[in-house]
């Protein structure tokens, strides 16, 4: 009887671990959009400091001058690299067109927590051309 009990306990334990393992993706990187204020987008003049073409979302880091002329470091979340590549925006193109020092105009939904971060909605280069694919276009 002790052997049967051990098998049942092992079976229940394996089933429990299996259910937990299968449910982990449910809690994976979803729902961050609620952290940003889409009702009050902001537009800033920015200078690129870094662009990361990485999963789960590409990131752009940039400096902005505040009202007092101080440099403030910001970060912006874009769509995922797969969507960027489908739109013709590869890692190589990113490195070529967005090296540190590139001036841009960036419109984003800012963090509700007040952090210097946001979801990028639109990026305009010096020529007035829209570049990259913001989260706004991904959702359309």
Protein backbone atom coordinates (compact mmCIF):
# COMPACT_ATOMS: atom_id res chain seq x y z
CA UNK A 1 0.00 0.00 0.00
CA UNK A 2 2.89 2.37 0.75
CA UNK A 3 4.20 1.90 -2.80
CA UNK A 4 0.82 2.82 -4.33
CA UNK A 5 0.63 5.91 -2.15
CA UNK A 6 4.12 7.00 -3.28
CA UNK A 7 3.06 6.57 -6.94
CA UNK A 8 -0.07 8.67 -6.37
CA UNK A 9 1.88 11.42 -4.63
CA UNK A 10 4.46 11.39 -7.43
CA UNK A 11 1.67 11.52 -10.04
CA UNK A 12 -0.10 14.43 -8.34
CA UNK A 13 3.22 16.23 -7.92
CA UNK A 14 4.10 15.76 -11.61
CA UNK A 15 0.64 16.95 -12.69
CA UNK A 16 0.90 20.03 -10.46
CA UNK A 17 4.33 20.93 -11.79
CA UNK A 18 3.06 20.42 -15.36
CA UNK A 19 0.09 22.74 -14.83
CA UNK A 20 2.34 25.39 -13.30
CA UNK A 21 4.82 25.15 -16.18
CA UNK A 22 2.05 25.45 -18.77
CA UNK A 23 0.49 28.45 -17.03
CA UNK A 24 3.69 30.54 -16.83
CA UNK A 25 3.23 32.04 -20.35
CA UNK A 26 -0.11 33.48 -19.22
CA UNK A 27 1.80 35.80 -16.90
CA UNK A 28 4.51 36.67 -19.42
CA UNK A 29 5.08 40.23 -20.70
CA UNK A 30 1.51 41.39 -21.31
CA UNK A 31 -0.47 44.30 -20.06
CA UNK A 32 2.29 46.92 -19.85
CA UNK A 33 0.25 49.30 -22.00
CA UNK A 34 -1.83 50.14 -18.94
CA UNK A 35 1.29 51.75 -17.46
CA UNK A 36 1.26 54.51 -20.09
CA UNK A 37 -1.02 57.53 -20.51
CA UNK A 38 -2.40 57.20 -24.04
CA UNK A 39 -4.88 60.03 -23.44
CA UNK A 40 -2.09 62.61 -23.03
CA UNK A 41 0.71 61.92 -25.53
CA UNK A 42 3.74 64.18 -25.46
CA UNK A 43 6.12 65.22 -28.24
CA UNK A 44 9.78 65.99 -27.53
CA UNK A 45 12.86 67.03 -29.46
CA UNK A 46 15.37 64.30 -28.75
CA UNK A 47 18.93 63.22 -29.40
CA UNK A 48 19.45 59.44 -29.70
CA UNK A 49 21.84 57.92 -27.17
CA UNK A 50 21.17 54.25 -27.98
CA UNK A 51 18.84 52.02 -29.99
CA UNK A 52 18.32 48.38 -28.97
CA UNK A 53 16.88 46.04 -31.56
CA UNK A 54 15.89 43.30 -29.09
CA UNK A 55 12.94 41.26 -27.86
CA UNK A 56 10.36 41.59 -26.51
CA UNK A 57 10.28 45.22 -27.75
CA UNK A 58 12.86 47.42 -29.42
CA UNK A 59 13.96 50.27 -27.16
CA UNK A 60 15.20 53.74 -27.99
CA UNK A 61 17.12 55.80 -25.46
CA UNK A 62 17.42 59.53 -25.93
CA UNK A 63 18.18 62.82 -24.23
CA UNK A 64 15.73 65.71 -23.98
CA UNK A 65 16.30 69.23 -22.64
CA UNK A 66 13.79 70.19 -19.95
CA UNK A 67 12.33 73.70 -19.44
CA UNK A 68 15.45 74.76 -17.53
CA UNK A 69 17.86 73.48 -20.19
CA UNK A 70 18.91 70.40 -18.20
CA UNK A 71 19.47 67.14 -20.05
CA UNK A 72 16.96 64.44 -19.08
CA UNK A 73 17.52 60.81 -20.10
CA UNK A 74 14.44 59.08 -21.55
CA UNK A 75 13.60 55.64 -22.89
CA UNK A 76 10.91 54.61 -25.32
CA UNK A 77 9.38 51.24 -26.03
CA UNK A 78 8.62 50.34 -29.63
CA UNK A 79 7.04 47.34 -31.28
CA UNK A 80 8.86 44.01 -31.43
CA UNK A 81 11.75 43.37 -33.85
CA UNK A 82 9.63 41.03 -35.97
CA UNK A 83 7.12 43.80 -36.73
CA UNK A 84 9.97 46.21 -37.43
CA UNK A 85 11.56 43.77 -39.89
CA UNK A 86 8.23 43.22 -41.68
CA UNK A 87 8.08 47.00 -42.11
CA UNK A 88 11.59 47.00 -43.60
CA UNK A 89 13.35 48.22 -40.48
CA UNK A 90 16.22 45.80 -39.79
CA UNK A 91 18.89 45.87 -37.11
CA UNK A 92 21.44 46.98 -39.70
CA UNK A 93 19.18 49.84 -40.84
CA UNK A 94 18.67 50.87 -37.21
CA UNK A 95 22.42 51.06 -36.64
CA UNK A 96 22.88 53.08 -39.83
CA UNK A 97 19.99 55.54 -39.42
CA UNK A 98 19.86 55.93 -35.63
CA UNK A 99 23.43 56.21 -34.37
CA UNK A 100 24.00 58.11 -31.12
CA UNK A 101 23.68 61.84 -31.73
CA UNK A 102 20.81 61.60 -34.25
CA UNK A 103 18.21 64.35 -33.68
CA UNK A 104 14.57 63.21 -33.73
CA UNK A 105 11.09 64.35 -32.79
CA UNK A 106 9.41 61.63 -30.73
CA UNK A 107 5.75 61.41 -29.79
CA UNK A 108 4.94 58.98 -27.03
CA UNK A 109 2.43 57.97 -24.40
CA UNK A 110 4.34 58.80 -21.20
CA UNK A 111 4.62 56.64 -18.10
CA UNK A 112 1.77 57.13 -15.63
CA UNK A 113 4.29 56.65 -12.83
CA UNK A 114 6.16 59.80 -13.83
CA UNK A 115 9.27 57.97 -15.04
CA UNK A 116 11.10 59.38 -18.05
CA UNK A 117 9.79 56.57 -20.24
CA UNK A 118 6.97 55.94 -22.64
CA UNK A 119 5.50 53.94 -25.46
CA UNK A 120 6.68 55.46 -28.74
CA UNK A 121 3.81 56.41 -31.03
CA UNK A 122 5.72 58.25 -33.76
CA UNK A 123 9.29 59.18 -34.63
CA UNK A 124 10.12 61.94 -37.13
CA UNK A 125 13.65 62.50 -38.46
CA UNK A 126 15.24 65.87 -39.35
CA UNK A 127 13.86 65.63 -42.90
CA UNK A 128 10.30 65.43 -41.54
CA UNK A 129 9.94 61.76 -42.48
CA UNK A 130 8.32 59.26 -40.14
CA UNK A 131 10.73 56.48 -39.23
CA UNK A 132 10.34 53.23 -37.35
CA UNK A 133 7.10 51.60 -36.32
CA UNK A 134 5.64 52.79 -33.06
CA UNK A 135 3.24 50.75 -30.93
CA UNK A 136 0.33 52.80 -32.30
CA UNK A 137 0.85 51.41 -35.80
CA UNK A 138 1.29 47.89 -34.46
CA UNK A 139 -2.17 47.95 -32.91
CA UNK A 140 -3.97 49.22 -36.02
